[in-house]
Amino acid sequence: MPTYRVLVRGKFDRPSPATREKLLAGAGSDDLAGQLFSEEGALTYSHHLGGFSYRVAVDVPAGEDATQQAHDQAQLMAMELLEREGYPYRDLTVGSTCLDDIRARRR
């Protein structure tokens, strides 16, 4: 099963004052682990609350549509997290890299 590192990007869609307060309480933590790709996923954003990114590592069955499956799975995970937390969002885009396609360069 190939592993994909998927980056879902989007924008916050006019959060209410209470939601802004909640977002600002968790914004800008300098925890490097929160910015890495993991199976649980990590939501990161800055204090200006314009855009956000959700980074996740997903395993999908090999096949012609593996990339699309990885994108769909990651986007669904991001949407579930945002909705669970009550964060309004819009303009989601998805990009990924298959770790099986990465070649180590030898010197």
N, C-alpha and C. Protein backbone atom coordinates (compact mmCIF):
# COMPACT_ATOMS: atom_id res chain seq x y z
N MET A 1 0.84 -1.19 0.00
CA MET A 1 0.00 0.00 0.00
C MET A 1 0.88 1.24 0.00
N PRO A 2 0.72 2.08 -1.00
CA PRO A 2 1.51 3.31 -1.03
C PRO A 2 1.07 4.30 0.06
N THR A 3 2.05 5.03 0.54
CA THR A 3 1.80 6.08 1.54
C THR A 3 1.92 7.43 0.86
N TYR A 4 0.95 8.29 1.11
CA TYR A 4 0.93 9.63 0.56
C TYR A 4 1.02 10.66 1.68
N ARG A 5 1.80 11.69 1.45
CA ARG A 5 1.79 12.87 2.31
C ARG A 5 0.88 13.86 1.62
N VAL A 6 -0.22 14.20 2.30
CA VAL A 6 -1.24 15.04 1.68
C VAL A 6 -1.35 16.36 2.43
N LEU A 7 -1.44 17.43 1.67
CA LEU A 7 -1.59 18.77 2.21
C LEU A 7 -2.91 19.34 1.72
N VAL A 8 -3.82 19.56 2.67
CA VAL A 8 -5.12 20.18 2.36
C VAL A 8 -5.03 21.63 2.82
N ARG A 9 -5.26 22.56 1.91
CA ARG A 9 -5.22 23.98 2.24
C ARG A 9 -6.61 24.58 2.07
N GLY A 10 -6.88 25.60 2.85
CA GLY A 10 -8.16 26.27 2.74
C GLY A 10 -8.12 27.61 3.45
N LYS A 11 -9.29 28.24 3.51
CA LYS A 11 -9.42 29.53 4.18
C LYS A 11 -10.54 29.43 5.21
N PHE A 12 -10.36 30.15 6.30
CA PHE A 12 -11.44 30.26 7.26
C PHE A 12 -12.51 31.17 6.68
N ASP A 13 -13.77 30.81 6.83
CA ASP A 13 -14.87 31.54 6.22
C ASP A 13 -15.64 32.35 7.27
N ARG A 14 -15.16 33.57 7.52
CA ARG A 14 -15.80 34.51 8.44
C ARG A 14 -16.19 33.88 9.78
N PRO A 15 -15.19 33.47 10.57
CA PRO A 15 -15.52 32.88 11.87
C PRO A 15 -16.17 33.91 12.79
N SER A 16 -17.07 33.44 13.63
CA SER A 16 -17.73 34.31 14.61
C SER A 16 -16.69 34.79 15.63
N PRO A 17 -17.01 35.82 16.39
CA PRO A 17 -16.06 36.29 17.41
C PRO A 17 -15.65 35.18 18.39
N ALA A 18 -16.58 34.34 18.80
CA ALA A 18 -16.25 33.24 19.72
C ALA A 18 -15.32 32.23 19.06
N THR A 19 -15.57 31.95 17.79
CA THR A 19 -14.71 31.01 17.06
C THR A 19 -13.33 31.61 16.84
N ARG A 20 -13.27 32.90 16.52
CA ARG A 20 -11.98 33.58 16.36
C ARG A 20 -11.16 33.49 17.64
N GLU A 21 -11.83 33.70 18.76
CA GLU A 21 -11.16 33.62 20.06
C GLU A 21 -10.60 32.21 20.28
N LYS A 22 -11.40 31.21 19.96
CA LYS A 22 -10.97 29.81 20.10
C LYS A 22 -9.77 29.52 19.18
N LEU A 23 -9.84 29.99 17.95
CA LEU A 23 -8.75 29.79 17.00
C LEU A 23 -7.48 30.49 17.47
N LEU A 24 -7.62 31.73 17.92
CA LEU A 24 -6.44 32.49 18.36
C LEU A 24 -5.79 31.87 19.58
N ALA A 25 -6.57 31.20 20.41
CA ALA A 25 -5.99 30.55 21.59
C ALA A 25 -5.05 29.42 21.20
N GLY A 26 -5.29 28.81 20.05
CA GLY A 26 -4.43 27.71 19.61
C GLY A 26 -3.50 28.06 18.48
N ALA A 27 -3.48 29.32 18.05
CA ALA A 27 -2.67 29.72 16.89
C ALA A 27 -1.21 29.91 17.24
N GLY A 28 -0.37 29.63 16.24
CA GLY A 28 1.03 29.99 16.32
C GLY A 28 1.87 29.22 17.30
N SER A 29 1.42 28.05 17.74
CA SER A 29 2.30 27.29 18.62
C SER A 29 3.52 26.88 17.82
N ASP A 30 4.67 26.98 18.42
CA ASP A 30 5.91 26.68 17.73
C ASP A 30 6.29 25.22 17.83
N ASP A 31 5.33 24.35 18.04
CA ASP A 31 5.57 22.92 18.15
C ASP A 31 5.86 22.35 16.76
N LEU A 32 7.09 21.97 16.51
CA LEU A 32 7.48 21.45 15.20
C LEU A 32 6.74 20.17 14.87
N ALA A 33 6.45 19.34 15.86
CA ALA A 33 5.75 18.08 15.60
C ALA A 33 4.38 18.32 15.00
N GLY A 34 3.75 19.43 15.31
CA GLY A 34 2.45 19.75 14.76
C GLY A 34 2.48 20.08 13.28
N GLN A 35 3.66 20.32 12.74
CA GLN A 35 3.78 20.66 11.33
C GLN A 35 4.20 19.48 10.47
N LEU A 36 4.46 18.34 11.07
CA LEU A 36 4.88 17.17 10.33
C LEU A 36 3.67 16.37 9.87
N PHE A 37 3.89 15.53 8.88
CA PHE A 37 2.82 14.67 8.38
C PHE A 37 2.70 13.46 9.30
N SER A 38 1.50 13.20 9.81
CA SER A 38 1.26 12.06 10.68
C SER A 38 -0.06 11.41 10.28
N GLU A 39 -0.32 10.23 10.81
CA GLU A 39 -1.57 9.53 10.50
C GLU A 39 -2.77 10.25 11.10
N GLU A 40 -2.57 10.97 12.20
CA GLU A 40 -3.67 11.69 12.84
C GLU A 40 -3.97 13.00 12.12
N GLY A 41 -2.97 13.56 11.48
CA GLY A 41 -3.12 14.84 10.81
C GLY A 41 -2.87 16.00 11.75
N ALA A 42 -2.50 17.13 11.19
CA ALA A 42 -2.22 18.32 11.99
C ALA A 42 -2.75 19.56 11.27
N LEU A 43 -3.52 20.35 11.98
CA LEU A 43 -4.06 21.60 11.46
C LEU A 43 -3.15 22.73 11.92
N THR A 44 -2.66 23.53 10.97
CA THR A 44 -1.81 24.67 11.31
C THR A 44 -2.34 25.93 10.64
N TYR A 45 -2.16 27.05 11.32
CA TYR A 45 -2.59 28.35 10.80
C TYR A 45 -1.89 29.42 11.60
N SER A 46 -1.92 30.65 11.07
CA SER A 46 -1.25 31.76 11.75
C SER A 46 -2.27 32.63 12.48
N HIS A 47 -1.76 33.64 13.18
CA HIS A 47 -2.61 34.53 13.97
C HIS A 47 -3.57 35.37 13.12
N HIS A 48 -3.25 35.59 11.86
CA HIS A 48 -4.15 36.44 11.06
C HIS A 48 -5.40 35.70 10.60
N LEU A 49 -5.44 34.37 10.79
CA LEU A 49 -6.61 33.53 10.53
C LEU A 49 -7.13 33.64 9.10
N GLY A 50 -6.21 33.81 8.16
CA GLY A 50 -6.61 33.82 6.75
C GLY A 50 -6.77 32.41 6.24
N GLY A 51 -5.67 31.74 6.08
CA GLY A 51 -5.68 30.38 5.57
C GLY A 51 -5.17 29.39 6.59
N PHE A 52 -5.33 28.12 6.26
CA PHE A 52 -4.86 27.04 7.12
C PHE A 52 -4.35 25.91 6.25
N SER A 53 -3.60 25.02 6.86
CA SER A 53 -3.20 23.79 6.17
C SER A 53 -3.40 22.61 7.11
N TYR A 54 -3.77 21.50 6.52
CA TYR A 54 -3.96 20.25 7.25
C TYR A 54 -3.04 19.24 6.59
N ARG A 55 -2.08 18.74 7.36
CA ARG A 55 -1.08 17.81 6.85
C ARG A 55 -1.35 16.43 7.43
N VAL A 56 -1.37 15.43 6.54
CA VAL A 56 -1.68 14.07 7.00
C VAL A 56 -0.97 13.07 6.10
N ALA A 57 -0.61 11.93 6.69
CA ALA A 57 -0.05 10.80 5.93
C ALA A 57 -1.13 9.74 5.85
N VAL A 58 -1.44 9.29 4.63
CA VAL A 58 -2.47 8.28 4.45
C VAL A 58 -1.93 7.12 3.61
N ASP A 59 -2.38 5.93 3.96
CA ASP A 59 -2.07 4.72 3.20
C ASP A 59 -3.33 4.34 2.42
N VAL A 60 -3.17 4.08 1.13
CA VAL A 60 -4.30 3.69 0.29
C VAL A 60 -3.90 2.47 -0.54
N PRO A 61 -4.87 1.66 -0.97
CA PRO A 61 -4.54 0.51 -1.82
C PRO A 61 -3.93 0.97 -3.14
N ALA A 62 -2.97 0.21 -3.63
CA ALA A 62 -2.34 0.53 -4.90
C ALA A 62 -3.36 0.40 -6.02
N GLY A 63 -3.19 1.20 -7.04
CA GLY A 63 -4.10 1.15 -8.18
C GLY A 63 -4.07 2.45 -8.95
N GLU A 64 -4.85 2.48 -10.02
CA GLU A 64 -4.89 3.67 -10.87
C GLU A 64 -5.37 4.90 -10.14
N ASP A 65 -6.32 4.72 -9.23
CA ASP A 65 -6.92 5.87 -8.56
C ASP A 65 -6.39 6.07 -7.15
N ALA A 66 -5.18 5.60 -6.86
CA ALA A 66 -4.61 5.72 -5.51
C ALA A 66 -4.46 7.18 -5.10
N THR A 67 -4.00 8.02 -6.01
CA THR A 67 -3.81 9.44 -5.68
C THR A 67 -5.15 10.08 -5.35
N GLN A 68 -6.17 9.80 -6.14
CA GLN A 68 -7.49 10.37 -5.89
C GLN A 68 -8.06 9.87 -4.56
N GLN A 69 -7.84 8.60 -4.26
CA GLN A 69 -8.29 8.06 -2.97
C GLN A 69 -7.59 8.75 -1.81
N ALA A 70 -6.30 8.98 -1.95
CA ALA A 70 -5.54 9.68 -0.90
C ALA A 70 -6.08 11.10 -0.71
N HIS A 71 -6.34 11.79 -1.82
CA HIS A 71 -6.88 13.16 -1.75
C HIS A 71 -8.25 13.16 -1.07
N ASP A 72 -9.11 12.24 -1.49
CA ASP A 72 -10.46 12.18 -0.92
C ASP A 72 -10.43 11.88 0.58
N GLN A 73 -9.59 10.93 0.97
CA GLN A 73 -9.49 10.55 2.38
C GLN A 73 -8.98 11.71 3.22
N ALA A 74 -7.93 12.38 2.75
CA ALA A 74 -7.36 13.51 3.50
C ALA A 74 -8.34 14.68 3.57
N GLN A 75 -9.02 14.97 2.48
CA GLN A 75 -9.98 16.07 2.48
C GLN A 75 -11.12 15.77 3.44
N LEU A 76 -11.59 14.54 3.46
CA LEU A 76 -12.65 14.16 4.38
C LEU A 76 -12.19 14.29 5.84
N MET A 77 -10.96 13.88 6.12
CA MET A 77 -10.42 14.01 7.47
C MET A 77 -10.34 15.48 7.89
N ALA A 78 -9.89 16.34 6.97
CA ALA A 78 -9.79 17.77 7.27
C ALA A 78 -11.17 18.36 7.53
N MET A 79 -12.13 18.02 6.68
CA MET A 79 -13.49 18.55 6.84
C MET A 79 -14.11 18.08 8.15
N GLU A 80 -13.90 16.82 8.51
CA GLU A 80 -14.44 16.31 9.77
C GLU A 80 -13.85 17.05 10.96
N LEU A 81 -12.54 17.30 10.93
CA LEU A 81 -11.90 18.04 12.02
C LEU A 81 -12.44 19.46 12.12
N LEU A 82 -12.51 20.15 10.99
CA LEU A 82 -12.99 21.53 10.98
C LEU A 82 -14.44 21.63 11.46
N GLU A 83 -15.27 20.71 11.03
CA GLU A 83 -16.68 20.73 11.45
C GLU A 83 -16.83 20.35 12.92
N ARG A 84 -16.04 19.39 13.38
CA ARG A 84 -16.09 18.98 14.79
C ARG A 84 -15.71 20.14 15.70
N GLU A 85 -14.73 20.93 15.28
CA GLU A 85 -14.27 22.07 16.07
C GLU A 85 -15.13 23.31 15.88
N GLY A 86 -16.00 23.28 14.87
CA GLY A 86 -16.86 24.44 14.61
C GLY A 86 -16.17 25.55 13.84
N TYR A 87 -15.16 25.21 13.03
CA TYR A 87 -14.42 26.19 12.26
C TYR A 87 -15.01 26.28 10.86
N PRO A 88 -15.61 27.41 10.48
CA PRO A 88 -16.13 27.56 9.12
C PRO A 88 -14.97 27.65 8.13
N TYR A 89 -15.14 27.03 6.96
CA TYR A 89 -14.05 26.98 5.98
C TYR A 89 -14.59 27.08 4.56
N ARG A 90 -13.66 27.36 3.63
CA ARG A 90 -14.00 27.42 2.20
C ARG A 90 -12.73 27.21 1.39
N ASP A 91 -12.90 27.05 0.10
CA ASP A 91 -11.80 27.00 -0.87
C ASP A 91 -10.75 25.94 -0.56
N LEU A 92 -11.17 24.70 -0.32
CA LEU A 92 -10.20 23.64 -0.05
C LEU A 92 -9.50 23.21 -1.33
N THR A 93 -8.19 23.05 -1.24
CA THR A 93 -7.39 22.48 -2.32
C THR A 93 -6.53 21.37 -1.72
N VAL A 94 -6.20 20.39 -2.55
CA VAL A 94 -5.47 19.22 -2.06
C VAL A 94 -4.28 18.95 -2.97
N GLY A 95 -3.14 18.67 -2.36
CA GLY A 95 -1.94 18.28 -3.08
C GLY A 95 -1.25 17.16 -2.32
N SER A 96 -0.52 16.32 -3.04
CA SER A 96 0.10 15.18 -2.35
C SER A 96 1.39 14.76 -3.02
N THR A 97 2.14 13.96 -2.26
CA THR A 97 3.35 13.32 -2.75
C THR A 97 3.30 11.86 -2.32
N CYS A 98 3.51 10.97 -3.28
CA CYS A 98 3.57 9.54 -2.96
C CYS A 98 5.00 9.23 -2.51
N LEU A 99 5.15 8.69 -1.32
CA LEU A 99 6.49 8.39 -0.81
C LEU A 99 7.17 7.29 -1.60
N ASP A 100 6.41 6.45 -2.27
CA ASP A 100 7.00 5.41 -3.11
C ASP A 100 7.69 5.99 -4.34
N ASP A 101 7.31 7.20 -4.74
CA ASP A 101 7.88 7.85 -5.92
C ASP A 101 9.15 8.64 -5.62
N ILE A 102 9.47 8.81 -4.34
CA ILE A 102 10.64 9.60 -3.98
C ILE A 102 11.89 8.74 -4.08
N ARG A 103 12.86 9.24 -4.76
CA ARG A 103 14.12 8.53 -4.95
C ARG A 103 15.21 9.24 -4.17
N ALA A 104 16.00 8.48 -3.46
CA ALA A 104 17.12 9.05 -2.71
C ALA A 104 18.25 9.33 -3.69
N ARG A 105 18.82 10.49 -3.58
CA ARG A 105 19.93 10.87 -4.46
C ARG A 105 21.24 10.52 -3.79
N ARG A 106 22.01 9.69 -4.42
CA ARG A 106 23.30 9.29 -3.84
C ARG A 106 24.41 10.18 -4.36
N ARG A 107 25.36 10.44 -3.50
CA ARG A 107 26.49 11.29 -3.88
C ARG A 107 27.70 10.47 -4.15
